[in-house]
Full PDB file with SEQRES, HELIX, SHEET, SSBOND, CRYST1, ORIGX, SCALE, CONECT and MASTER records, all heavy atoms in Angstrom:
SEQRES   1 A   32  ARG VAL GLY GLU THR ASP PHE TYR HIS VAL LYS ASN ALA          
SEQRES   2 A   32  PRO SER ARG SER THR PHE TYR GLY LYS ARG PHE GLN GLU          
SEQRES   3 A   32  SER GLU VAL GLU LYS VAL                                      
HELIX    1 AA1 GLY A   21  ARG A   23  5                                   3    
HELIX    2 AA2 GLU A   26  GLU A   28  5                                   3    
SHEET    1 AA1 3 SER A  17  THR A  18  0                                        
SHEET    2 AA1 3 TYR A   8  VAL A  10 -1                                        
SHEET    3 AA1 3 VAL A  29  LYS A  31 -1                                        
CRYST1    1.000    1.000    1.000  90.00  90.00  90.00 P 1           1          
ORIGX1      1.000000  0.000000  0.000000        0.00000                         
ORIGX2      0.000000  1.000000  0.000000        0.00000                         
ORIGX3      0.000000  0.000000  1.000000        0.00000                         
SCALE1      1.000000  0.000000  0.000000        0.00000                         
SCALE2      0.000000  1.000000  0.000000        0.00000                         
SCALE3      0.000000  0.000000  1.000000        0.00000                         
ATOM      1  N   ARG A   1      12.649  11.932  -2.867  1.00  0.00           N  
ATOM      2  CA  ARG A   1      13.312  12.464  -1.674  1.00  0.00           C  
ATOM      3  C   ARG A   1      13.722  11.325  -0.750  1.00  0.00           C  
ATOM      4  O   ARG A   1      13.164  10.218  -0.805  1.00  0.00           O  
ATOM      5  CB  ARG A   1      12.387  13.423  -0.934  1.00  0.00           C  
ATOM      6  CG  ARG A   1      11.066  12.814  -0.481  1.00  0.00           C  
ATOM      7  CD  ARG A   1      10.233  13.827   0.289  1.00  0.00           C  
ATOM      8  NE  ARG A   1       9.916  14.990  -0.514  1.00  0.00           N  
ATOM      9  CZ  ARG A   1       8.885  15.057  -1.351  1.00  0.00           C  
ATOM     10  NH1 ARG A   1       8.063  14.021  -1.468  1.00  0.00           N  
ATOM     11  NH2 ARG A   1       8.662  16.134  -2.056  1.00  0.00           N  
ATOM     12  N   VAL A   2      14.682  11.622   0.095  1.00  0.00           N  
ATOM     13  CA  VAL A   2      15.137  10.669   1.110  1.00  0.00           C  
ATOM     14  C   VAL A   2      14.321  10.897   2.373  1.00  0.00           C  
ATOM     15  O   VAL A   2      14.156  12.033   2.822  1.00  0.00           O  
ATOM     16  CB  VAL A   2      16.639  10.865   1.406  1.00  0.00           C  
ATOM     17  CG1 VAL A   2      17.096   9.935   2.523  1.00  0.00           C  
ATOM     18  CG2 VAL A   2      17.455  10.623   0.135  1.00  0.00           C  
ATOM     19  N   GLY A   3      13.790   9.845   2.939  1.00  0.00           N  
ATOM     20  CA  GLY A   3      12.978   9.984   4.144  1.00  0.00           C  
ATOM     21  C   GLY A   3      12.144   8.751   4.399  1.00  0.00           C  
ATOM     22  O   GLY A   3      12.637   7.629   4.347  1.00  0.00           O  
ATOM     23  N   GLU A   4      10.855   8.959   4.643  1.00  0.00           N  
ATOM     24  CA  GLU A   4       9.906   7.872   4.852  1.00  0.00           C  
ATOM     25  C   GLU A   4       8.592   8.233   4.172  1.00  0.00           C  
ATOM     26  O   GLU A   4       8.309   9.409   3.918  1.00  0.00           O  
ATOM     27  CB  GLU A   4       9.631   7.646   6.344  1.00  0.00           C  
ATOM     28  CG  GLU A   4      10.741   6.973   7.104  1.00  0.00           C  
ATOM     29  CD  GLU A   4      10.300   6.605   8.516  1.00  0.00           C  
ATOM     30  OE1 GLU A   4       9.290   7.163   9.011  1.00  0.00           O  
ATOM     31  OE2 GLU A   4      10.954   5.753   9.128  1.00  0.00           O  
ATOM     32  N   THR A   5       7.786   7.219   3.900  1.00  0.00           N  
ATOM     33  CA  THR A   5       6.474   7.476   3.313  1.00  0.00           C  
ATOM     34  C   THR A   5       5.527   6.346   3.676  1.00  0.00           C  
ATOM     35  O   THR A   5       5.952   5.256   4.078  1.00  0.00           O  
ATOM     36  CB  THR A   5       6.567   7.600   1.781  1.00  0.00           C  
ATOM     37  OG1 THR A   5       5.333   8.121   1.278  1.00  0.00           O  
ATOM     38  CG2 THR A   5       6.845   6.259   1.137  1.00  0.00           C  
ATOM     39  N   ASP A   6       4.239   6.617   3.531  1.00  0.00           N  
ATOM     40  CA  ASP A   6       3.243   5.554   3.660  1.00  0.00           C  
ATOM     41  C   ASP A   6       3.343   4.640   2.440  1.00  0.00           C  
ATOM     42  O   ASP A   6       3.540   5.105   1.305  1.00  0.00           O  
ATOM     43  CB  ASP A   6       1.829   6.134   3.734  1.00  0.00           C  
ATOM     44  CG  ASP A   6       1.562   6.851   5.047  1.00  0.00           C  
ATOM     45  OD1 ASP A   6       2.232   6.540   6.050  1.00  0.00           O  
ATOM     46  OD2 ASP A   6       0.680   7.738   5.065  1.00  0.00           O  
ATOM     47  N   PHE A   7       3.186   3.364   2.689  1.00  0.00           N  
ATOM     48  CA  PHE A   7       3.285   2.371   1.634  1.00  0.00           C  
ATOM     49  C   PHE A   7       2.154   1.379   1.854  1.00  0.00           C  
ATOM     50  O   PHE A   7       1.864   1.015   2.992  1.00  0.00           O  
ATOM     51  CB  PHE A   7       4.645   1.668   1.715  1.00  0.00           C  
ATOM     52  CG  PHE A   7       5.116   1.084   0.423  1.00  0.00           C  
ATOM     53  CD1 PHE A   7       5.359   1.885  -0.679  1.00  0.00           C  
ATOM     54  CD2 PHE A   7       5.345  -0.282   0.307  1.00  0.00           C  
ATOM     55  CE1 PHE A   7       5.814   1.344  -1.873  1.00  0.00           C  
ATOM     56  CE2 PHE A   7       5.808  -0.821  -0.875  1.00  0.00           C  
ATOM     57  CZ  PHE A   7       6.040  -0.014  -1.974  1.00  0.00           C  
ATOM     58  N   TYR A   8       1.528   0.961   0.774  1.00  0.00           N  
ATOM     59  CA  TYR A   8       0.323   0.152   0.894  1.00  0.00           C  
ATOM     60  C   TYR A   8       0.556  -1.230   0.296  1.00  0.00           C  
ATOM     61  O   TYR A   8       0.802  -1.366  -0.911  1.00  0.00           O  
ATOM     62  CB  TYR A   8      -0.849   0.844   0.197  1.00  0.00           C  
ATOM     63  CG  TYR A   8      -1.188   2.175   0.807  1.00  0.00           C  
ATOM     64  CD1 TYR A   8      -0.520   3.343   0.411  1.00  0.00           C  
ATOM     65  CD2 TYR A   8      -2.148   2.286   1.807  1.00  0.00           C  
ATOM     66  CE1 TYR A   8      -0.815   4.566   0.980  1.00  0.00           C  
ATOM     67  CE2 TYR A   8      -2.454   3.516   2.385  1.00  0.00           C  
ATOM     68  CZ  TYR A   8      -1.776   4.645   1.967  1.00  0.00           C  
ATOM     69  OH  TYR A   8      -2.067   5.861   2.538  1.00  0.00           O  
ATOM     70  N   HIS A   9       0.476  -2.225   1.164  1.00  0.00           N  
ATOM     71  CA  HIS A   9       0.618  -3.608   0.716  1.00  0.00           C  
ATOM     72  C   HIS A   9      -0.775  -4.162   0.438  1.00  0.00           C  
ATOM     73  O   HIS A   9      -1.664  -4.081   1.282  1.00  0.00           O  
ATOM     74  CB  HIS A   9       1.316  -4.453   1.776  1.00  0.00           C  
ATOM     75  CG  HIS A   9       1.425  -5.892   1.399  1.00  0.00           C  
ATOM     76  ND1 HIS A   9       2.320  -6.343   0.469  1.00  0.00           N  
ATOM     77  CD2 HIS A   9       0.722  -6.989   1.807  1.00  0.00           C  
ATOM     78  CE1 HIS A   9       2.188  -7.644   0.329  1.00  0.00           C  
ATOM     79  NE2 HIS A   9       1.224  -8.068   1.125  1.00  0.00           N  
ATOM     80  N   VAL A  10      -0.951  -4.705  -0.752  1.00  0.00           N  
ATOM     81  CA  VAL A  10      -2.259  -5.205  -1.152  1.00  0.00           C  
ATOM     82  C   VAL A  10      -2.478  -6.596  -0.562  1.00  0.00           C  
ATOM     83  O   VAL A  10      -1.724  -7.525  -0.826  1.00  0.00           O  
ATOM     84  CB  VAL A  10      -2.381  -5.259  -2.685  1.00  0.00           C  
ATOM     85  CG1 VAL A  10      -3.783  -5.724  -3.090  1.00  0.00           C  
ATOM     86  CG2 VAL A  10      -2.079  -3.895  -3.289  1.00  0.00           C  
ATOM     87  N   LYS A  11      -3.508  -6.707   0.255  1.00  0.00           N  
ATOM     88  CA  LYS A  11      -3.828  -7.998   0.868  1.00  0.00           C  
ATOM     89  C   LYS A  11      -4.278  -8.989  -0.211  1.00  0.00           C  
ATOM     90  O   LYS A  11      -4.858  -8.614  -1.216  1.00  0.00           O  
ATOM     91  CB  LYS A  11      -4.944  -7.832   1.903  1.00  0.00           C  
ATOM     92  CG  LYS A  11      -4.596  -6.886   3.047  1.00  0.00           C  
ATOM     93  CD  LYS A  11      -5.795  -6.692   3.978  1.00  0.00           C  
ATOM     94  CE  LYS A  11      -5.487  -5.712   5.093  1.00  0.00           C  
ATOM     95  NZ  LYS A  11      -6.671  -5.457   5.961  1.00  0.00           N  
ATOM     96  N   ASN A  12      -3.999 -10.242   0.051  1.00  0.00           N  
ATOM     97  CA  ASN A  12      -4.388 -11.307  -0.878  1.00  0.00           C  
ATOM     98  C   ASN A  12      -3.745 -11.156  -2.247  1.00  0.00           C  
ATOM     99  O   ASN A  12      -4.232 -11.717  -3.240  1.00  0.00           O  
ATOM    100  CB  ASN A  12      -5.913 -11.380  -1.032  1.00  0.00           C  
ATOM    101  CG  ASN A  12      -6.627 -11.598   0.290  1.00  0.00           C  
ATOM    102  OD1 ASN A  12      -6.177 -12.403   1.107  1.00  0.00           O  
ATOM    103  ND2 ASN A  12      -7.716 -10.877   0.508  1.00  0.00           N  
ATOM    104  N   ALA A  13      -2.682 -10.368  -2.320  1.00  0.00           N  
ATOM    105  CA  ALA A  13      -1.930 -10.223  -3.572  1.00  0.00           C  
ATOM    106  C   ALA A  13      -0.455 -10.177  -3.210  1.00  0.00           C  
ATOM    107  O   ALA A  13       0.121  -9.093  -3.076  1.00  0.00           O  
ATOM    108  CB  ALA A  13      -2.346  -8.967  -4.322  1.00  0.00           C  
ATOM    109  N   PRO A  14       0.145 -11.322  -2.974  1.00  0.00           N  
ATOM    110  CA  PRO A  14       1.528 -11.376  -2.507  1.00  0.00           C  
ATOM    111  C   PRO A  14       2.458 -10.528  -3.368  1.00  0.00           C  
ATOM    112  O   PRO A  14       2.381 -10.549  -4.592  1.00  0.00           O  
ATOM    113  CB  PRO A  14       1.873 -12.864  -2.611  1.00  0.00           C  
ATOM    114  CG  PRO A  14       0.558 -13.553  -2.512  1.00  0.00           C  
ATOM    115  CD  PRO A  14      -0.432 -12.648  -3.185  1.00  0.00           C  
ATOM    116  N   SER A  15       3.292  -9.772  -2.708  1.00  0.00           N  
ATOM    117  CA  SER A  15       4.352  -8.994  -3.348  1.00  0.00           C  
ATOM    118  C   SER A  15       3.832  -7.847  -4.199  1.00  0.00           C  
ATOM    119  O   SER A  15       4.522  -7.368  -5.091  1.00  0.00           O  
ATOM    120  CB  SER A  15       5.234  -9.899  -4.214  1.00  0.00           C  
ATOM    121  OG  SER A  15       5.686 -11.001  -3.474  1.00  0.00           O  
ATOM    122  N   ARG A  16       2.617  -7.388  -3.941  1.00  0.00           N  
ATOM    123  CA  ARG A  16       2.113  -6.232  -4.659  1.00  0.00           C  
ATOM    124  C   ARG A  16       1.919  -5.088  -3.692  1.00  0.00           C  
ATOM    125  O   ARG A  16       1.246  -5.217  -2.672  1.00  0.00           O  
ATOM    126  CB  ARG A  16       0.776  -6.558  -5.338  1.00  0.00           C  
ATOM    127  CG  ARG A  16       0.304  -5.425  -6.246  1.00  0.00           C  
ATOM    128  CD  ARG A  16      -0.988  -5.767  -6.926  1.00  0.00           C  
ATOM    129  NE  ARG A  16      -1.419  -4.659  -7.779  1.00  0.00           N  
ATOM    130  CZ  ARG A  16      -2.624  -4.567  -8.315  1.00  0.00           C  
ATOM    131  NH1 ARG A  16      -3.523  -5.514  -8.096  1.00  0.00           N  
ATOM    132  NH2 ARG A  16      -2.951  -3.535  -9.076  1.00  0.00           N  
ATOM    133  N   SER A  17       2.515  -3.951  -3.992  1.00  0.00           N  
ATOM    134  CA  SER A  17       2.418  -2.801  -3.102  1.00  0.00           C  
ATOM    135  C   SER A  17       2.568  -1.526  -3.910  1.00  0.00           C  
ATOM    136  O   SER A  17       3.034  -1.531  -5.041  1.00  0.00           O  
ATOM    137  CB  SER A  17       3.479  -2.886  -2.002  1.00  0.00           C  
ATOM    138  OG  SER A  17       4.763  -3.110  -2.564  1.00  0.00           O  
ATOM    139  N   THR A  18       2.190  -0.394  -3.290  1.00  0.00           N  
ATOM    140  CA  THR A  18       2.157   0.865  -4.031  1.00  0.00           C  
ATOM    141  C   THR A  18       2.163   2.046  -3.074  1.00  0.00           C  
ATOM    142  O   THR A  18       1.786   1.917  -1.906  1.00  0.00           O  
ATOM    143  CB  THR A  18       0.900   0.930  -4.922  1.00  0.00           C  
ATOM    144  OG1 THR A  18       0.858   2.183  -5.610  1.00  0.00           O  
ATOM    145  CG2 THR A  18      -0.371   0.778  -4.099  1.00  0.00           C  
ATOM    146  N   PHE A  19       2.576   3.212  -3.571  1.00  0.00           N  
ATOM    147  CA  PHE A  19       2.418   4.459  -2.837  1.00  0.00           C  
ATOM    148  C   PHE A  19       0.955   4.896  -2.800  1.00  0.00           C  
ATOM    149  O   PHE A  19       0.541   5.619  -1.911  1.00  0.00           O  
ATOM    150  CB  PHE A  19       3.196   5.591  -3.516  1.00  0.00           C  
ATOM    151  CG  PHE A  19       4.682   5.550  -3.311  1.00  0.00           C  
ATOM    152  CD1 PHE A  19       5.531   6.084  -4.266  1.00  0.00           C  
ATOM    153  CD2 PHE A  19       5.239   5.010  -2.171  1.00  0.00           C  
ATOM    154  CE1 PHE A  19       6.899   6.083  -4.092  1.00  0.00           C  
ATOM    155  CE2 PHE A  19       6.606   4.994  -1.981  1.00  0.00           C  
ATOM    156  CZ  PHE A  19       7.441   5.527  -2.946  1.00  0.00           C  
ATOM    157  N   TYR A  20       0.204   4.472  -3.807  1.00  0.00           N  
ATOM    158  CA  TYR A  20      -1.113   5.049  -4.056  1.00  0.00           C  
ATOM    159  C   TYR A  20      -2.219   4.131  -3.537  1.00  0.00           C  
ATOM    160  O   TYR A  20      -2.898   3.436  -4.298  1.00  0.00           O  
ATOM    161  CB  TYR A  20      -1.279   5.339  -5.550  1.00  0.00           C  
ATOM    162  CG  TYR A  20      -0.262   6.359  -6.031  1.00  0.00           C  
ATOM    163  CD1 TYR A  20       0.842   5.966  -6.777  1.00  0.00           C  
ATOM    164  CD2 TYR A  20      -0.399   7.704  -5.706  1.00  0.00           C  
ATOM    165  CE1 TYR A  20       1.787   6.902  -7.208  1.00  0.00           C  
ATOM    166  CE2 TYR A  20       0.524   8.637  -6.131  1.00  0.00           C  
ATOM    167  CZ  TYR A  20       1.619   8.229  -6.875  1.00  0.00           C  
ATOM    168  OH  TYR A  20       2.544   9.152  -7.287  1.00  0.00           O  
ATOM    169  N   GLY A  21      -2.422   4.167  -2.237  1.00  0.00           N  
ATOM    170  CA  GLY A  21      -3.417   3.318  -1.614  1.00  0.00           C  
ATOM    171  C   GLY A  21      -4.837   3.653  -2.007  1.00  0.00           C  
ATOM    172  O   GLY A  21      -5.737   2.813  -1.899  1.00  0.00           O  
ATOM    173  N   LYS A  22      -5.070   4.883  -2.490  1.00  0.00           N  
ATOM    174  CA  LYS A  22      -6.434   5.273  -2.838  1.00  0.00           C  
ATOM    175  C   LYS A  22      -6.943   4.532  -4.079  1.00  0.00           C  
ATOM    176  O   LYS A  22      -8.117   4.636  -4.419  1.00  0.00           O  
ATOM    177  CB  LYS A  22      -6.538   6.773  -3.045  1.00  0.00           C  
ATOM    178  CG  LYS A  22      -5.748   7.334  -4.227  1.00  0.00           C  
ATOM    179  CD  LYS A  22      -5.910   8.848  -4.292  1.00  0.00           C  
ATOM    180  CE  LYS A  22      -5.126   9.438  -5.461  1.00  0.00           C  
ATOM    181  NZ  LYS A  22      -5.271  10.908  -5.524  1.00  0.00           N  
ATOM    182  N   ARG A  23      -6.066   3.777  -4.730  1.00  0.00           N  
ATOM    183  CA  ARG A  23      -6.519   2.935  -5.834  1.00  0.00           C  
ATOM    184  C   ARG A  23      -7.403   1.793  -5.342  1.00  0.00           C  
ATOM    185  O   ARG A  23      -8.097   1.163  -6.117  1.00  0.00           O  
ATOM    186  CB  ARG A  23      -5.307   2.331  -6.560  1.00  0.00           C  
ATOM    187  CG  ARG A  23      -4.409   3.307  -7.240  1.00  0.00           C  
ATOM    188  CD  ARG A  23      -3.130   2.633  -7.725  1.00  0.00           C  
ATOM    189  NE  ARG A  23      -3.399   1.540  -8.636  1.00  0.00           N  
ATOM    190  CZ  ARG A  23      -2.456   0.690  -9.047  1.00  0.00           C  
ATOM    191  NH1 ARG A  23      -1.224   0.795  -8.585  1.00  0.00           N  
ATOM    192  NH2 ARG A  23      -2.759  -0.279  -9.891  1.00  0.00           N  
ATOM    193  N   PHE A  24      -7.336   1.508  -4.030  1.00  0.00           N  
ATOM    194  CA  PHE A  24      -8.007   0.344  -3.479  1.00  0.00           C  
ATOM    195  C   PHE A  24      -8.944   0.742  -2.349  1.00  0.00           C  
ATOM    196  O   PHE A  24      -8.827   1.816  -1.767  1.00  0.00           O  
ATOM    197  CB  PHE A  24      -6.961  -0.650  -2.942  1.00  0.00           C  
ATOM    198  CG  PHE A  24      -5.943  -1.073  -3.952  1.00  0.00           C  
ATOM    199  CD1 PHE A  24      -4.733  -0.396  -4.078  1.00  0.00           C  
ATOM    200  CD2 PHE A  24      -6.189  -2.149  -4.790  1.00  0.00           C  
ATOM    201  CE1 PHE A  24      -3.785  -0.783  -5.019  1.00  0.00           C  
ATOM    202  CE2 PHE A  24      -5.249  -2.543  -5.733  1.00  0.00           C  
ATOM    203  CZ  PHE A  24      -4.056  -1.860  -5.854  1.00  0.00           C  
ATOM    204  N   GLN A  25      -9.855  -0.146  -2.020  1.00  0.00           N  
ATOM    205  CA  GLN A  25     -10.663   0.021  -0.831  1.00  0.00           C  
ATOM    206  C   GLN A  25      -9.767  -0.130   0.400  1.00  0.00           C  
ATOM    207  O   GLN A  25      -8.783  -0.875   0.388  1.00  0.00           O  
ATOM    208  CB  GLN A  25     -11.776  -1.038  -0.789  1.00  0.00           C  
ATOM    209  CG  GLN A  25     -12.772  -0.957  -1.934  1.00  0.00           C  
ATOM    210  CD  GLN A  25     -13.606   0.311  -1.887  1.00  0.00           C  
ATOM    211  OE1 GLN A  25     -13.948   0.802  -0.809  1.00  0.00           O  
ATOM    212  NE2 GLN A  25     -13.942   0.836  -3.064  1.00  0.00           N  
ATOM    213  N   GLU A  26     -10.113   0.596   1.464  1.00  0.00           N  
ATOM    214  CA  GLU A  26      -9.286   0.554   2.670  1.00  0.00           C  
ATOM    215  C   GLU A  26      -9.098  -0.866   3.187  1.00  0.00           C  
ATOM    216  O   GLU A  26      -8.026  -1.221   3.682  1.00  0.00           O  
ATOM    217  CB  GLU A  26      -9.921   1.423   3.754  1.00  0.00           C  
ATOM    218  CG  GLU A  26      -9.050   1.588   4.999  1.00  0.00           C  
ATOM    219  CD  GLU A  26      -9.647   2.566   5.982  1.00  0.00           C  
ATOM    220  OE1 GLU A  26     -10.561   3.322   5.596  1.00  0.00           O  
ATOM    221  OE2 GLU A  26      -9.185   2.571   7.139  1.00  0.00           O  
ATOM    222  N   SER A  27     -10.124  -1.692   3.062  1.00  0.00           N  
ATOM    223  CA  SER A  27     -10.041  -3.068   3.553  1.00  0.00           C  
ATOM    224  C   SER A  27      -9.136  -3.944   2.701  1.00  0.00           C  
ATOM    225  O   SER A  27      -8.753  -5.049   3.117  1.00  0.00           O  
ATOM    226  CB  SER A  27     -11.437  -3.692   3.592  1.00  0.00           C  
ATOM    227  OG  SER A  27     -12.016  -3.707   2.295  1.00  0.00           O  
ATOM    228  N   GLU A  28      -8.739  -3.455   1.514  1.00  0.00           N  
ATOM    229  CA  GLU A  28      -7.924  -4.261   0.601  1.00  0.00           C  
ATOM    230  C   GLU A  28      -6.427  -4.089   0.820  1.00  0.00           C  
ATOM    231  O   GLU A  28      -5.639  -4.849   0.259  1.00  0.00           O  
ATOM    232  CB  GLU A  28      -8.252  -3.888  -0.852  1.00  0.00           C  
ATOM    233  CG  GLU A  28      -9.657  -4.232  -1.282  1.00  0.00           C  
ATOM    234  CD  GLU A  28      -9.932  -3.817  -2.715  1.00  0.00           C  
ATOM    235  OE1 GLU A  28      -9.570  -2.679  -3.096  1.00  0.00           O  
ATOM    236  OE2 GLU A  28     -10.505  -4.633  -3.446  1.00  0.00           O  
ATOM    237  N   VAL A  29      -6.038  -3.081   1.604  1.00  0.00           N  
ATOM    238  CA  VAL A  29      -4.614  -2.785   1.749  1.00  0.00           C  
ATOM    239  C   VAL A  29      -4.211  -2.671   3.218  1.00  0.00           C  
ATOM    240  O   VAL A  29      -5.037  -2.374   4.086  1.00  0.00           O  
ATOM    241  CB  VAL A  29      -4.227  -1.474   1.021  1.00  0.00           C  
ATOM    242  CG1 VAL A  29      -4.383  -1.636  -0.475  1.00  0.00           C  
ATOM    243  CG2 VAL A  29      -5.033  -0.302   1.531  1.00  0.00           C  
ATOM    244  N   GLU A  30      -2.931  -2.897   3.446  1.00  0.00           N  
ATOM    245  CA  GLU A  30      -2.334  -2.689   4.766  1.00  0.00           C  
ATOM    246  C   GLU A  30      -1.307  -1.568   4.642  1.00  0.00           C  
ATOM    247  O   GLU A  30      -0.395  -1.642   3.813  1.00  0.00           O  
ATOM    248  CB  GLU A  30      -1.648  -3.973   5.248  1.00  0.00           C  
ATOM    249  CG  GLU A  30      -0.890  -3.813   6.533  1.00  0.00           C  
ATOM    250  CD  GLU A  30      -0.035  -5.027   6.867  1.00  0.00           C  
ATOM    251  OE1 GLU A  30      -0.005  -5.975   6.059  1.00  0.00           O  
ATOM    252  OE2 GLU A  30       0.613  -5.005   7.928  1.00  0.00           O  
ATOM    253  N   LYS A  31      -1.466  -0.514   5.428  1.00  0.00           N  
ATOM    254  CA  LYS A  31      -0.554   0.626   5.346  1.00  0.00           C  
ATOM    255  C   LYS A  31       0.634   0.427   6.278  1.00  0.00           C  
ATOM    256  O   LYS A  31       0.473   0.087   7.451  1.00  0.00           O  
ATOM    257  CB  LYS A  31      -1.281   1.925   5.701  1.00  0.00           C  
ATOM    258  CG  LYS A  31      -0.415   3.165   5.526  1.00  0.00           C  
ATOM    259  CD  LYS A  31      -1.215   4.447   5.644  1.00  0.00           C  
ATOM    260  CE  LYS A  31      -1.575   4.762   7.069  1.00  0.00           C  
ATOM    261  NZ  LYS A  31      -2.137   6.131   7.206  1.00  0.00           N  
ATOM    262  N   VAL A  32       1.816   0.647   5.743  1.00  0.00           N  
ATOM    263  CA  VAL A  32       3.047   0.563   6.536  1.00  0.00           C  
ATOM    264  C   VAL A  32       3.903   1.783   6.208  1.00  0.00           C  
ATOM    265  O   VAL A  32       3.662   2.488   5.218  1.00  0.00           O  
ATOM    266  CB  VAL A  32       3.833  -0.731   6.239  1.00  0.00           C  
ATOM    267  CG1 VAL A  32       3.028  -1.956   6.636  1.00  0.00           C  
ATOM    268  CG2 VAL A  32       4.231  -0.801   4.761  1.00  0.00           C  
TER     269      VAL A  32                                                      
MASTER        0    0    0    2    3    0    0    6  268    1    0    3          
END                                                                             
């Protein structure tokens, strides 16, 4: 769909990000 969504950038892992932040511990990702 066209719109906006939460996106999770993995800290200490340059250029790695995902829709599925629950794959990681909260402290491991930055939500944008």
